[in-house]
N, C-alpha and C. Protein backbone atom coordinates (compact mmCIF):
# COMPACT_ATOMS: atom_id res chain seq x y z
N MET A 1 26.56 50.92 56.11
CA MET A 1 25.23 51.13 55.60
C MET A 1 25.10 50.39 54.27
N PRO A 2 24.03 49.65 54.05
CA PRO A 2 23.88 48.92 52.79
C PRO A 2 23.64 49.87 51.62
N SER A 3 24.14 49.48 50.47
CA SER A 3 24.01 50.34 49.30
C SER A 3 22.62 50.25 48.68
N ILE A 4 21.87 49.18 48.95
CA ILE A 4 20.52 49.03 48.44
C ILE A 4 19.57 48.98 49.62
N HIS A 5 18.48 49.69 49.53
CA HIS A 5 17.50 49.71 50.60
C HIS A 5 16.91 48.32 50.76
N ALA A 6 16.81 47.85 51.96
CA ALA A 6 16.36 46.49 52.24
C ALA A 6 14.92 46.26 51.80
N ALA A 7 14.11 47.30 51.79
CA ALA A 7 12.70 47.13 51.42
C ALA A 7 12.53 46.95 49.92
N GLN A 8 13.53 47.39 49.16
CA GLN A 8 13.42 47.23 47.71
C GLN A 8 13.64 45.76 47.35
N SER A 9 12.88 45.31 46.40
CA SER A 9 13.10 43.96 45.90
C SER A 9 13.28 44.04 44.40
N LYS A 10 14.03 43.10 43.89
CA LYS A 10 14.27 43.12 42.45
C LYS A 10 12.99 42.73 41.73
N PRO A 11 12.79 43.27 40.54
CA PRO A 11 11.57 42.91 39.79
C PRO A 11 11.60 41.44 39.40
N ARG A 12 10.44 40.82 39.43
CA ARG A 12 10.35 39.40 39.11
C ARG A 12 10.45 39.20 37.61
N THR A 13 11.24 38.24 37.24
CA THR A 13 11.36 37.93 35.82
C THR A 13 10.21 37.03 35.42
N GLN A 14 10.07 36.83 34.13
CA GLN A 14 8.96 36.03 33.62
C GLN A 14 9.07 34.58 34.10
N SER A 15 10.31 34.07 34.20
CA SER A 15 10.47 32.68 34.62
C SER A 15 10.08 32.50 36.09
N GLU A 16 10.20 33.56 36.90
CA GLU A 16 9.82 33.45 38.30
C GLU A 16 8.31 33.47 38.48
N ASN A 17 7.57 33.93 37.48
CA ASN A 17 6.12 33.97 37.56
C ASN A 17 5.50 32.61 37.26
N HIS A 18 6.28 31.69 36.73
CA HIS A 18 5.77 30.36 36.40
C HIS A 18 6.04 29.39 37.54
N LYS A 19 5.07 28.51 37.77
CA LYS A 19 5.26 27.46 38.74
C LYS A 19 5.74 26.22 37.98
N ILE A 20 6.97 25.82 38.26
CA ILE A 20 7.57 24.70 37.56
C ILE A 20 7.62 23.49 38.48
N THR A 21 7.07 22.40 37.99
CA THR A 21 7.11 21.13 38.72
C THR A 21 7.61 20.04 37.77
N TRP A 22 7.91 18.90 38.32
CA TRP A 22 8.36 17.76 37.52
C TRP A 22 7.39 16.60 37.76
N ARG A 23 7.01 15.92 36.66
CA ARG A 23 6.10 14.78 36.76
C ARG A 23 6.65 13.60 35.98
N TRP A 24 6.33 12.40 36.48
CA TRP A 24 6.70 11.15 35.82
C TRP A 24 5.58 10.82 34.84
N LEU A 25 5.82 11.04 33.52
CA LEU A 25 4.77 10.91 32.52
C LEU A 25 5.16 9.91 31.43
N PRO A 26 4.15 9.28 30.81
CA PRO A 26 4.44 8.35 29.71
C PRO A 26 4.72 9.10 28.41
N PHE A 27 5.45 8.43 27.52
CA PHE A 27 5.69 8.99 26.19
C PHE A 27 5.91 7.85 25.20
N THR A 28 5.67 8.14 23.94
CA THR A 28 6.01 7.23 22.86
C THR A 28 6.96 7.96 21.92
N ASN A 29 7.79 7.19 21.26
CA ASN A 29 8.80 7.76 20.37
C ASN A 29 8.35 7.53 18.94
N SER A 30 8.16 8.60 18.17
CA SER A 30 7.70 8.47 16.79
C SER A 30 8.74 7.82 15.89
N ALA A 31 9.98 7.77 16.34
CA ALA A 31 11.03 7.15 15.54
C ALA A 31 10.97 5.62 15.63
N ARG A 32 10.22 5.10 16.57
CA ARG A 32 10.07 3.64 16.72
C ARG A 32 8.86 3.18 15.93
N GLU A 33 8.96 1.96 15.40
CA GLU A 33 7.84 1.43 14.64
C GLU A 33 6.80 0.76 15.53
N ASP A 34 7.23 0.29 16.69
CA ASP A 34 6.27 -0.31 17.61
C ASP A 34 5.65 0.79 18.46
N SER A 35 4.67 0.45 19.25
CA SER A 35 4.00 1.47 20.06
C SER A 35 4.43 1.37 21.52
N LEU A 36 5.72 1.13 21.73
CA LEU A 36 6.26 1.00 23.07
C LEU A 36 6.05 2.30 23.84
N GLN A 37 5.50 2.16 25.05
CA GLN A 37 5.27 3.35 25.87
C GLN A 37 6.23 3.29 27.05
N LEU A 38 7.04 4.32 27.17
CA LEU A 38 8.01 4.45 28.25
C LEU A 38 7.61 5.63 29.12
N HIS A 39 8.32 5.83 30.22
CA HIS A 39 8.06 6.96 31.12
C HIS A 39 9.36 7.71 31.37
N HIS A 40 9.24 9.01 31.61
CA HIS A 40 10.38 9.82 32.01
C HIS A 40 9.90 11.05 32.76
N TRP A 41 10.85 11.73 33.42
CA TRP A 41 10.52 12.93 34.15
C TRP A 41 10.39 14.09 33.17
N VAL A 42 9.30 14.84 33.31
CA VAL A 42 9.01 15.96 32.40
C VAL A 42 8.80 17.22 33.22
N ARG A 43 9.37 18.33 32.73
CA ARG A 43 9.17 19.61 33.39
C ARG A 43 7.81 20.15 32.98
N VAL A 44 6.98 20.44 33.98
CA VAL A 44 5.61 20.92 33.75
C VAL A 44 5.54 22.36 34.24
N ILE A 45 5.10 23.26 33.37
CA ILE A 45 5.03 24.68 33.70
C ILE A 45 3.57 25.06 33.90
N ASN A 46 3.25 25.59 35.08
CA ASN A 46 1.88 26.00 35.45
C ASN A 46 0.87 24.87 35.22
N GLY A 47 1.26 23.65 35.51
CA GLY A 47 0.35 22.51 35.41
C GLY A 47 0.13 22.00 34.00
N VAL A 48 0.82 22.57 32.99
CA VAL A 48 0.63 22.16 31.60
C VAL A 48 1.88 21.40 31.12
N PRO A 49 1.74 20.08 30.86
CA PRO A 49 2.90 19.33 30.38
C PRO A 49 3.19 19.68 28.91
N PRO A 50 4.43 19.47 28.47
CA PRO A 50 4.76 19.77 27.07
C PRO A 50 4.01 18.83 26.13
N THR A 51 3.69 19.33 24.96
CA THR A 51 3.00 18.52 23.96
C THR A 51 3.91 18.33 22.76
N GLY A 52 3.51 17.44 21.88
CA GLY A 52 4.30 17.21 20.67
C GLY A 52 5.08 15.92 20.76
N ASP A 53 5.95 15.74 19.80
CA ASP A 53 6.72 14.52 19.69
C ASP A 53 7.80 14.47 20.77
N TYR A 54 8.27 13.28 21.04
CA TYR A 54 9.37 13.07 21.97
C TYR A 54 10.56 13.88 21.49
N SER A 55 11.15 14.67 22.37
CA SER A 55 12.16 15.64 21.95
C SER A 55 13.41 15.01 21.36
N PHE A 56 13.73 13.76 21.71
CA PHE A 56 14.94 13.14 21.20
C PHE A 56 14.69 12.25 19.98
N ALA A 57 13.46 12.22 19.47
CA ALA A 57 13.15 11.40 18.30
C ALA A 57 13.92 11.87 17.08
N LYS A 58 14.22 13.16 17.00
CA LYS A 58 14.94 13.68 15.85
C LYS A 58 16.38 13.17 15.79
N HIS A 59 16.91 12.69 16.90
CA HIS A 59 18.28 12.18 16.93
C HIS A 59 18.36 10.69 16.62
N ASN A 60 17.23 10.06 16.38
CA ASN A 60 17.22 8.63 16.14
C ASN A 60 17.76 8.34 14.74
N LYS A 61 18.89 7.71 14.70
CA LYS A 61 19.52 7.37 13.43
C LYS A 61 19.74 5.86 13.37
N MET A 62 18.76 5.11 13.84
CA MET A 62 18.90 3.66 13.93
C MET A 62 19.05 3.04 12.55
N TRP A 63 19.96 2.09 12.48
CA TRP A 63 20.19 1.33 11.26
C TRP A 63 19.73 -0.10 11.50
N THR A 64 19.04 -0.66 10.53
CA THR A 64 18.65 -2.06 10.63
C THR A 64 19.76 -2.92 10.05
N ARG A 65 19.71 -4.19 10.33
CA ARG A 65 20.70 -5.12 9.79
C ARG A 65 20.61 -5.15 8.27
N GLU A 66 19.39 -5.10 7.74
CA GLU A 66 19.20 -5.14 6.29
C GLU A 66 19.82 -3.91 5.61
N GLU A 67 19.64 -2.72 6.23
CA GLU A 67 20.22 -1.51 5.67
C GLU A 67 21.75 -1.58 5.68
N THR A 68 22.32 -2.08 6.77
CA THR A 68 23.77 -2.19 6.87
C THR A 68 24.31 -3.17 5.85
N ASP A 69 23.63 -4.31 5.69
CA ASP A 69 24.05 -5.28 4.68
C ASP A 69 23.97 -4.68 3.28
N GLN A 70 22.89 -3.95 3.01
CA GLN A 70 22.74 -3.31 1.71
C GLN A 70 23.85 -2.29 1.48
N LEU A 71 24.20 -1.52 2.52
CA LEU A 71 25.26 -0.53 2.40
C LEU A 71 26.58 -1.20 2.05
N PHE A 72 26.92 -2.28 2.75
CA PHE A 72 28.19 -2.95 2.50
C PHE A 72 28.22 -3.60 1.11
N ASP A 73 27.10 -4.14 0.68
CA ASP A 73 27.03 -4.70 -0.68
C ASP A 73 27.25 -3.61 -1.72
N MET A 74 26.61 -2.47 -1.51
CA MET A 74 26.75 -1.37 -2.46
C MET A 74 28.15 -0.76 -2.42
N CYS A 75 28.76 -0.70 -1.25
CA CYS A 75 30.13 -0.19 -1.15
C CYS A 75 31.09 -1.09 -1.93
N GLU A 76 30.86 -2.38 -1.87
CA GLU A 76 31.68 -3.30 -2.65
C GLU A 76 31.39 -3.15 -4.14
N GLN A 77 30.13 -3.05 -4.49
CA GLN A 77 29.74 -2.95 -5.89
C GLN A 77 30.21 -1.65 -6.54
N PHE A 78 30.11 -0.53 -5.80
CA PHE A 78 30.43 0.78 -6.37
C PHE A 78 31.76 1.34 -5.87
N ASN A 79 32.58 0.49 -5.29
CA ASN A 79 33.95 0.86 -4.92
C ASN A 79 34.02 2.08 -3.99
N LEU A 80 33.18 2.12 -3.00
CA LEU A 80 33.13 3.19 -1.99
C LEU A 80 32.82 4.56 -2.59
N ARG A 81 32.10 4.61 -3.65
CA ARG A 81 31.66 5.89 -4.22
C ARG A 81 30.33 6.26 -3.53
N PHE A 82 30.47 6.96 -2.42
CA PHE A 82 29.32 7.21 -1.55
C PHE A 82 28.28 8.11 -2.19
N ILE A 83 28.68 8.97 -3.11
CA ILE A 83 27.70 9.83 -3.77
C ILE A 83 26.78 8.98 -4.64
N VAL A 84 27.36 8.02 -5.35
CA VAL A 84 26.55 7.11 -6.18
C VAL A 84 25.65 6.26 -5.28
N ILE A 85 26.22 5.77 -4.19
CA ILE A 85 25.46 4.92 -3.27
C ILE A 85 24.29 5.70 -2.68
N ALA A 86 24.52 6.95 -2.30
CA ALA A 86 23.45 7.76 -1.70
C ALA A 86 22.32 8.00 -2.70
N ASN A 87 22.65 8.11 -3.98
CA ASN A 87 21.62 8.34 -4.99
C ASN A 87 20.69 7.15 -5.17
N ILE A 88 21.19 5.94 -4.96
CA ILE A 88 20.36 4.76 -5.22
C ILE A 88 20.06 3.95 -3.97
N PHE A 89 20.48 4.45 -2.80
CA PHE A 89 20.21 3.73 -1.56
C PHE A 89 18.71 3.76 -1.27
N SER A 90 18.18 2.67 -0.72
CA SER A 90 16.73 2.53 -0.57
C SER A 90 16.11 3.52 0.42
N SER A 91 16.82 3.88 1.47
CA SER A 91 16.26 4.87 2.41
C SER A 91 16.92 6.22 2.18
N SER A 92 16.36 7.24 2.75
CA SER A 92 16.86 8.61 2.51
C SER A 92 17.97 8.94 3.50
N ARG A 93 19.11 8.34 3.30
CA ARG A 93 20.29 8.63 4.11
C ARG A 93 21.20 9.58 3.35
N THR A 94 21.86 10.46 4.09
CA THR A 94 22.80 11.38 3.46
C THR A 94 24.13 10.69 3.21
N VAL A 95 24.95 11.31 2.40
CA VAL A 95 26.28 10.77 2.12
C VAL A 95 27.08 10.66 3.42
N GLU A 96 26.94 11.66 4.28
CA GLU A 96 27.68 11.66 5.54
C GLU A 96 27.23 10.52 6.45
N GLU A 97 25.92 10.26 6.49
CA GLU A 97 25.40 9.16 7.31
C GLU A 97 25.90 7.82 6.79
N LEU A 98 25.93 7.67 5.47
CA LEU A 98 26.42 6.42 4.87
C LEU A 98 27.90 6.20 5.20
N LYS A 99 28.70 7.25 5.06
CA LYS A 99 30.13 7.14 5.37
C LYS A 99 30.34 6.82 6.85
N ASP A 100 29.60 7.51 7.70
CA ASP A 100 29.73 7.30 9.14
C ASP A 100 29.41 5.86 9.51
N ARG A 101 28.35 5.32 8.94
CA ARG A 101 27.97 3.93 9.23
C ARG A 101 29.02 2.96 8.70
N TYR A 102 29.47 3.18 7.48
CA TYR A 102 30.45 2.27 6.88
C TYR A 102 31.74 2.24 7.69
N TYR A 103 32.30 3.42 7.97
CA TYR A 103 33.56 3.46 8.70
C TYR A 103 33.41 3.00 10.15
N GLY A 104 32.28 3.29 10.77
CA GLY A 104 32.06 2.85 12.14
C GLY A 104 31.96 1.34 12.26
N VAL A 105 31.21 0.70 11.36
CA VAL A 105 31.07 -0.76 11.39
C VAL A 105 32.39 -1.42 10.99
N SER A 106 33.06 -0.88 9.98
CA SER A 106 34.35 -1.45 9.56
C SER A 106 35.36 -1.41 10.69
N GLN A 107 35.39 -0.30 11.40
CA GLN A 107 36.30 -0.16 12.53
C GLN A 107 35.97 -1.18 13.63
N ALA A 108 34.69 -1.34 13.93
CA ALA A 108 34.29 -2.29 14.98
C ALA A 108 34.65 -3.72 14.58
N ILE A 109 34.47 -4.07 13.31
CA ILE A 109 34.82 -5.42 12.85
C ILE A 109 36.32 -5.64 12.94
N LEU A 110 37.12 -4.67 12.50
CA LEU A 110 38.57 -4.82 12.56
C LEU A 110 39.07 -4.97 13.99
N ILE A 111 38.53 -4.19 14.89
CA ILE A 111 38.96 -4.26 16.29
C ILE A 111 38.54 -5.58 16.92
N ALA A 112 37.33 -6.05 16.58
CA ALA A 112 36.86 -7.31 17.14
C ALA A 112 37.68 -8.50 16.65
N ARG A 113 38.15 -8.45 15.41
CA ARG A 113 38.92 -9.56 14.84
C ARG A 113 40.40 -9.52 15.20
N ALA A 114 40.91 -8.38 15.63
CA ALA A 114 42.33 -8.23 15.93
C ALA A 114 42.68 -8.87 17.26
N SER A 115 43.89 -9.38 17.33
CA SER A 115 44.35 -9.97 18.59
C SER A 115 44.82 -8.91 19.58
N SER A 116 45.26 -7.75 19.04
CA SER A 116 45.65 -6.64 19.91
C SER A 116 45.39 -5.33 19.18
N PRO A 117 45.26 -4.23 19.93
CA PRO A 117 45.01 -2.93 19.30
C PRO A 117 46.14 -2.51 18.36
N ALA A 118 47.36 -2.95 18.63
CA ALA A 118 48.49 -2.58 17.78
C ALA A 118 48.36 -3.19 16.38
N ASP A 119 47.64 -4.30 16.27
CA ASP A 119 47.47 -4.95 14.97
C ASP A 119 46.68 -4.10 14.00
N VAL A 120 45.78 -3.28 14.49
CA VAL A 120 44.91 -2.49 13.62
C VAL A 120 45.21 -1.00 13.65
N SER A 121 46.17 -0.59 14.45
CA SER A 121 46.42 0.84 14.62
C SER A 121 46.85 1.53 13.33
N ARG A 122 47.48 0.80 12.42
CA ARG A 122 47.95 1.42 11.16
C ARG A 122 47.00 1.18 10.00
N ASN A 123 45.89 0.53 10.25
CA ASN A 123 44.93 0.27 9.18
C ASN A 123 44.24 1.58 8.79
N PRO A 124 44.11 1.86 7.49
CA PRO A 124 43.48 3.13 7.08
C PRO A 124 42.01 3.23 7.43
N LEU A 125 41.35 2.09 7.69
CA LEU A 125 39.94 2.15 8.08
C LEU A 125 39.75 2.60 9.52
N ILE A 126 40.83 2.56 10.30
CA ILE A 126 40.73 2.97 11.69
C ILE A 126 40.98 4.48 11.76
N LYS A 127 40.11 5.20 11.15
CA LYS A 127 40.17 6.65 11.24
C LYS A 127 38.84 7.11 11.78
N GLU A 128 38.86 8.19 12.46
CA GLU A 128 37.63 8.74 12.99
C GLU A 128 36.97 9.58 11.91
N TYR A 129 35.80 9.17 11.48
CA TYR A 129 35.05 9.96 10.51
C TYR A 129 34.15 10.89 11.29
N ASN A 130 34.40 12.19 11.17
CA ASN A 130 33.66 13.19 11.92
C ASN A 130 32.58 13.79 11.02
N VAL A 131 31.33 13.42 11.27
CA VAL A 131 30.21 13.85 10.44
C VAL A 131 30.06 15.37 10.45
N SER A 132 30.10 15.98 11.62
CA SER A 132 29.89 17.43 11.70
C SER A 132 31.02 18.19 11.00
N GLN A 133 32.26 17.69 11.11
CA GLN A 133 33.38 18.33 10.43
C GLN A 133 33.22 18.22 8.92
N GLU A 134 32.75 17.08 8.44
CA GLU A 134 32.54 16.89 7.00
C GLU A 134 31.44 17.80 6.47
N ILE A 135 30.36 17.94 7.24
CA ILE A 135 29.27 18.83 6.83
C ILE A 135 29.76 20.28 6.78
N GLU A 136 30.52 20.68 7.79
CA GLU A 136 31.05 22.04 7.81
C GLU A 136 32.03 22.28 6.66
N ARG A 137 32.85 21.28 6.34
CA ARG A 137 33.80 21.39 5.23
C ARG A 137 33.05 21.58 3.91
N LYS A 138 31.99 20.79 3.70
CA LYS A 138 31.21 20.91 2.46
C LYS A 138 30.50 22.25 2.38
N HIS A 139 30.04 22.75 3.51
CA HIS A 139 29.38 24.07 3.52
C HIS A 139 30.38 25.17 3.15
N ALA A 140 31.58 25.11 3.72
CA ALA A 140 32.60 26.10 3.41
C ALA A 140 33.00 26.03 1.94
N LEU A 141 33.11 24.82 1.42
CA LEU A 141 33.44 24.65 0.01
C LEU A 141 32.35 25.22 -0.89
N SER A 142 31.09 24.98 -0.55
CA SER A 142 30.00 25.51 -1.38
C SER A 142 29.97 27.04 -1.34
N MET A 143 30.32 27.62 -0.20
CA MET A 143 30.37 29.08 -0.11
C MET A 143 31.46 29.64 -1.02
N VAL A 144 32.62 29.00 -1.05
CA VAL A 144 33.71 29.45 -1.89
C VAL A 144 33.35 29.29 -3.36
N LEU A 145 32.75 28.15 -3.70
CA LEU A 145 32.41 27.88 -5.09
C LEU A 145 31.25 28.73 -5.59
N SER A 146 30.42 29.23 -4.69
CA SER A 146 29.27 30.03 -5.11
C SER A 146 29.58 31.52 -5.20
N GLN A 147 30.83 31.89 -4.92
CA GLN A 147 31.22 33.29 -5.01
C GLN A 147 31.18 33.76 -6.47
N THR A 148 30.79 34.99 -6.64
CA THR A 148 30.84 35.59 -7.98
C THR A 148 32.27 36.07 -8.24
N ARG A 149 32.55 36.37 -9.47
CA ARG A 149 33.88 36.88 -9.83
C ARG A 149 34.17 38.20 -9.12
N GLN A 150 33.13 39.01 -8.96
CA GLN A 150 33.31 40.29 -8.30
C GLN A 150 33.67 40.08 -6.82
N GLN A 151 33.00 39.13 -6.14
CA GLN A 151 33.33 38.86 -4.74
C GLN A 151 34.75 38.31 -4.62
N ALA A 152 35.13 37.43 -5.53
CA ALA A 152 36.48 36.87 -5.51
C ALA A 152 37.52 37.96 -5.74
N ARG A 153 37.23 38.91 -6.64
CA ARG A 153 38.15 40.01 -6.90
C ARG A 153 38.29 40.89 -5.66
N LYS A 154 37.16 41.18 -4.98
CA LYS A 154 37.20 41.98 -3.75
C LYS A 154 38.03 41.28 -2.68
N ASP A 155 37.84 39.98 -2.54
CA ASP A 155 38.61 39.22 -1.54
C ASP A 155 40.11 39.28 -1.86
N ALA A 156 40.46 39.15 -3.15
CA ALA A 156 41.87 39.20 -3.55
C ALA A 156 42.45 40.59 -3.26
N GLU A 157 41.68 41.63 -3.54
CA GLU A 157 42.14 43.00 -3.26
C GLU A 157 42.34 43.21 -1.76
N GLN A 158 41.42 42.67 -0.97
CA GLN A 158 41.53 42.82 0.48
C GLN A 158 42.74 42.06 1.03
N ARG A 159 43.00 40.87 0.52
CA ARG A 159 44.18 40.11 0.95
C ARG A 159 45.46 40.87 0.57
N GLU A 160 45.49 41.43 -0.63
CA GLU A 160 46.66 42.19 -1.08
C GLU A 160 46.86 43.42 -0.20
N TYR A 161 45.77 44.11 0.13
CA TYR A 161 45.85 45.29 1.00
C TYR A 161 46.40 44.91 2.38
N LEU A 162 45.90 43.81 2.93
CA LEU A 162 46.35 43.36 4.25
C LEU A 162 47.80 42.89 4.22
N ARG A 163 48.21 42.32 3.10
CA ARG A 163 49.60 41.85 2.97
C ARG A 163 50.56 43.04 2.96
N LEU A 164 50.16 44.13 2.30
CA LEU A 164 51.01 45.29 2.21
C LEU A 164 50.98 46.14 3.48
N ALA A 165 49.93 46.00 4.26
CA ALA A 165 49.77 46.85 5.46
C ALA A 165 50.69 46.43 6.59
């Protein structure tokens, strides 16, 4: 005998009340300077397509040749002091974005000029610069540095208590 009566049906969730279709629709990307119109498949709910900017425009981190040249000139001029470079760089790039671009381009140039991968494997520029790890590291550092003396004392007491336990 079934444990649930066959006539019973589960209650419909809100997502089941919507009619979802897919349409091939045009879009423009606000991160582009030209007015190029492309098309892609868009999920349409109850006949209403999504509005607003292209969803991936926020990920556009395009660098122009002029910006890259300016970055390398400034890195040479200021001896890789990225904080100084970020303060006077012409566009609003973060320190992490500047470092990521510098190390990424430097790595590509070294690999392209090398006769074999072993030639560049020990070069200090061939390191992976992880932007998200750097941002998280700076956030953790700011949290530690922004602690009050009372919070630091409580943390020390708690560590001592746990050490003795």
